[in-house]
Amino acid sequence: QVQLVESGGGLVQPGGSLTLSCAASVSIKSFVLTGWYRQAPGKQRELVATINRESNTNYGDSVKGRFAISRDNAKNTMYLQMSALKPEDTAVYYCNAISVYGHSDWGQGTQVTVSS
């Protein structure tokens, strides 16, 4: 069973930066696609960013140019570097991983709050 554990969330002021990490219990080389999603209160979960095994990336329109996704295969960890944060970025952030068999796993989520 795959376990994904997010960390790095917290309270940050508007315009600030934060880096989220997602540690996997297995080799992330086995995942064809990994990504970050977020869910704000009263809203549906939305795509933030994805990265595949070839390191091709995809970003949600609202975070393009501000967020950067990466993965470190040696550490079995995925990252989301967030900068120029806005209050509307406030949400619970989840990491996701999809295996070669199409199985999808989720982390437990980490809260990010952007507020002055």
C-alpha atoms as a PDB file:
ATOM      1  CA  GLN A   1       0.000   0.000   0.000  1.00  0.00           C
ATOM      2  CA  VAL A   2       1.366   3.349  -1.043  1.00  0.00           C
ATOM      3  CA  GLN A   3       1.585   6.080   1.556  1.00  0.00           C
ATOM      4  CA  LEU A   4       1.998   9.734   0.640  1.00  0.00           C
ATOM      5  CA  VAL A   5       2.799  12.201   3.406  1.00  0.00           C
ATOM      6  CA  GLU A   6       2.637  15.933   2.780  1.00  0.00           C
ATOM      7  CA  SER A   7       4.449  18.526   4.865  1.00  0.00           C
ATOM      8  CA  GLY A   8       5.415  22.181   4.714  1.00  0.00           C
ATOM      9  CA  GLY A   9       2.041  23.839   4.989  1.00  0.00           C
ATOM     10  CA  GLY A  10       1.371  26.768   7.277  1.00  0.00           C
ATOM     11  CA  LEU A  11       0.468  30.419   7.553  1.00  0.00           C
ATOM     12  CA  VAL A  12       2.166  32.879   5.196  1.00  0.00           C
ATOM     13  CA  GLN A  13       1.576  36.511   4.339  1.00  0.00           C
ATOM     14  CA  PRO A  14       0.381  37.593   0.883  1.00  0.00           C
ATOM     15  CA  GLY A  15       3.328  37.793  -1.482  1.00  0.00           C
ATOM     16  CA  GLY A  16       5.266  35.231   0.513  1.00  0.00           C
ATOM     17  CA  SER A  17       6.639  31.830  -0.417  1.00  0.00           C
ATOM     18  CA  LEU A  18       6.221  28.296   0.828  1.00  0.00           C
ATOM     19  CA  THR A  19       7.482  24.878  -0.286  1.00  0.00           C
ATOM     20  CA  LEU A  20       5.403  21.740   0.157  1.00  0.00           C
ATOM     21  CA  SER A  21       6.882  18.248   0.204  1.00  0.00           C
ATOM     22  CA  CYS A  22       5.261  14.884  -0.422  1.00  0.00           C
ATOM     23  CA  ALA A  23       7.218  11.827   0.686  1.00  0.00           C
ATOM     24  CA  ALA A  24       6.254   8.477  -0.808  1.00  0.00           C
ATOM     25  CA  SER A  25       6.655   5.102   0.876  1.00  0.00           C
ATOM     26  CA  VAL A  26       7.705   3.512  -2.419  1.00  0.00           C
ATOM     27  CA  SER A  27       9.925   4.488  -5.298  1.00  0.00           C
ATOM     28  CA  ILE A  28       8.291   7.361  -7.157  1.00  0.00           C
ATOM     29  CA  LYS A  29       9.833   5.988 -10.351  1.00  0.00           C
ATOM     30  CA  SER A  30       6.869   3.621 -10.318  1.00  0.00           C
ATOM     31  CA  PHE A  31       4.447   6.516 -10.736  1.00  0.00           C
ATOM     32  CA  VAL A  32       3.585   7.600 -14.256  1.00  0.00           C
ATOM     33  CA  LEU A  33       2.095  10.844 -12.995  1.00  0.00           C
ATOM     34  CA  THR A  34       2.363  12.769  -9.744  1.00  0.00           C
ATOM     35  CA  GLY A  35       0.744  16.012  -8.821  1.00  0.00           C
ATOM     36  CA  TRP A  36      -0.670  18.497  -6.399  1.00  0.00           C
ATOM     37  CA  TYR A  37      -4.329  19.413  -5.992  1.00  0.00           C
ATOM     38  CA  ARG A  38      -6.051  21.762  -3.601  1.00  0.00           C
ATOM     39  CA  GLN A  39      -9.470  22.229  -2.071  1.00  0.00           C
ATOM     40  CA  ALA A  40     -10.732  25.424  -0.504  1.00  0.00           C
ATOM     41  CA  PRO A  41     -13.768  25.459   1.822  1.00  0.00           C
ATOM     42  CA  GLY A  42     -16.974  25.124  -0.155  1.00  0.00           C
ATOM     43  CA  LYS A  43     -15.152  24.479  -3.425  1.00  0.00           C
ATOM     44  CA  GLN A  44     -14.284  21.442  -5.481  1.00  0.00           C
ATOM     45  CA  ARG A  45     -10.802  19.968  -5.498  1.00  0.00           C
ATOM     46  CA  GLU A  46      -8.806  21.514  -8.334  1.00  0.00           C
ATOM     47  CA  LEU A  47      -5.601  20.805 -10.176  1.00  0.00           C
ATOM     48  CA  VAL A  48      -2.556  22.774  -9.088  1.00  0.00           C
ATOM     49  CA  ALA A  49       0.248  21.036 -10.987  1.00  0.00           C
ATOM     50  CA  THR A  50       1.350  17.670 -12.327  1.00  0.00           C
ATOM     51  CA  ILE A  51       4.660  16.177 -13.414  1.00  0.00           C
ATOM     52  CA  ASN A  52       5.183  12.895 -15.245  1.00  0.00           C
ATOM     53  CA  ARG A  53       8.098  10.477 -15.392  1.00  0.00           C
ATOM     54  CA  GLU A  54       9.612  12.414 -18.258  1.00  0.00           C
ATOM     55  CA  SER A  55       9.455  15.562 -16.078  1.00  0.00           C
ATOM     56  CA  ASN A  56       6.856  17.182 -18.286  1.00  0.00           C
ATOM     57  CA  THR A  57       4.805  19.600 -16.205  1.00  0.00           C
ATOM     58  CA  ASN A  58       1.304  20.993 -16.324  1.00  0.00           C
ATOM     59  CA  TYR A  59      -0.143  23.826 -14.223  1.00  0.00           C
ATOM     60  CA  GLY A  60      -3.553  25.165 -13.366  1.00  0.00           C
ATOM     61  CA  ASP A  61      -4.170  28.579 -14.898  1.00  0.00           C
ATOM     62  CA  SER A  62      -4.387  30.305 -11.532  1.00  0.00           C
ATOM     63  CA  VAL A  63      -0.860  29.268 -10.475  1.00  0.00           C
ATOM     64  CA  LYS A  64       1.097  29.484 -13.720  1.00  0.00           C
ATOM     65  CA  GLY A  65       4.245  31.534 -13.314  1.00  0.00           C
ATOM     66  CA  ARG A  66       4.035  31.424  -9.509  1.00  0.00           C
ATOM     67  CA  PHE A  67       4.263  27.736  -8.582  1.00  0.00           C
ATOM     68  CA  ALA A  68       6.809  25.106  -9.602  1.00  0.00           C
ATOM     69  CA  ILE A  69       6.459  21.343  -9.268  1.00  0.00           C
ATOM     70  CA  SER A  70       9.401  18.957  -9.113  1.00  0.00           C
ATOM     71  CA  ARG A  71      10.286  15.434  -8.067  1.00  0.00           C
ATOM     72  CA  ASP A  72      13.434  13.926  -6.596  1.00  0.00           C
ATOM     73  CA  ASN A  73      13.552  10.246  -7.481  1.00  0.00           C
ATOM     74  CA  ALA A  74      16.485   9.595  -5.147  1.00  0.00           C
ATOM     75  CA  LYS A  75      14.498  10.889  -2.159  1.00  0.00           C
ATOM     76  CA  ASN A  76      11.124   9.526  -3.320  1.00  0.00           C
ATOM     77  CA  THR A  77       9.757  12.997  -2.753  1.00  0.00           C
ATOM     78  CA  MET A  78       7.742  15.510  -4.739  1.00  0.00           C
ATOM     79  CA  TYR A  79       7.794  19.233  -4.154  1.00  0.00           C
ATOM     80  CA  LEU A  80       5.634  22.252  -4.822  1.00  0.00           C
ATOM     81  CA  GLN A  81       7.407  25.583  -4.632  1.00  0.00           C
ATOM     82  CA  MET A  82       4.886  28.368  -4.206  1.00  0.00           C
ATOM     83  CA  SER A  83       5.710  32.058  -4.537  1.00  0.00           C
ATOM     84  CA  ALA A  84       3.794  35.328  -4.808  1.00  0.00           C
ATOM     85  CA  LEU A  85       1.086  33.698  -2.718  1.00  0.00           C
ATOM     86  CA  LYS A  86      -2.384  35.221  -2.678  1.00  0.00           C
ATOM     87  CA  PRO A  87      -5.234  34.862  -0.177  1.00  0.00           C
ATOM     88  CA  GLU A  88      -7.120  32.851  -2.816  1.00  0.00           C
ATOM     89  CA  ASP A  89      -4.359  30.222  -2.647  1.00  0.00           C
ATOM     90  CA  THR A  90      -5.636  29.305   0.812  1.00  0.00           C
ATOM     91  CA  ALA A  91      -6.681  25.657   0.743  1.00  0.00           C
ATOM     92  CA  VAL A  92      -5.799  22.146   1.813  1.00  0.00           C
ATOM     93  CA  TYR A  93      -3.150  20.871  -0.588  1.00  0.00           C
ATOM     94  CA  TYR A  94      -3.046  17.192  -1.490  1.00  0.00           C
ATOM     95  CA  CYS A  95      -0.439  15.219  -3.371  1.00  0.00           C
ATOM     96  CA  ASN A  96      -1.466  12.484  -5.749  1.00  0.00           C
ATOM     97  CA  ALA A  97       0.344   9.649  -7.486  1.00  0.00           C
ATOM     98  CA  ILE A  98      -0.824   7.368 -10.282  1.00  0.00           C
ATOM     99  CA  SER A  99       0.903   4.025 -10.853  1.00  0.00           C
ATOM    100  CA  VAL A 100       1.561   2.251 -14.136  1.00  0.00           C
ATOM    101  CA  TYR A 101      -1.497   0.138 -13.331  1.00  0.00           C
ATOM    102  CA  GLY A 102      -3.708   3.221 -13.132  1.00  0.00           C
ATOM    103  CA  HIS A 103      -4.097   3.110  -9.361  1.00  0.00           C
ATOM    104  CA  SER A 104      -4.400   6.546  -7.755  1.00  0.00           C
ATOM    105  CA  ASP A 105      -3.225   7.344  -4.229  1.00  0.00           C
ATOM    106  CA  TRP A 106      -3.697  10.503  -2.174  1.00  0.00           C
ATOM    107  CA  GLY A 107      -1.962  12.035   0.788  1.00  0.00           C
ATOM    108  CA  GLN A 108      -3.806  13.276   3.853  1.00  0.00           C
ATOM    109  CA  GLY A 109      -3.401  16.946   2.900  1.00  0.00           C
ATOM    110  CA  THR A 110      -1.623  19.945   4.369  1.00  0.00           C
ATOM    111  CA  GLN A 111      -3.230  23.304   5.131  1.00  0.00           C
ATOM    112  CA  VAL A 112      -1.905  26.444   3.472  1.00  0.00           C
ATOM    113  CA  THR A 113      -3.287  29.747   4.724  1.00  0.00           C
ATOM    114  CA  VAL A 114      -2.361  33.039   3.067  1.00  0.00           C
ATOM    115  CA  SER A 115      -3.344  35.934   5.261  1.00  0.00           C
ATOM    116  CA  SER A 116      -1.970  39.131   6.747  1.00  0.00           C
END
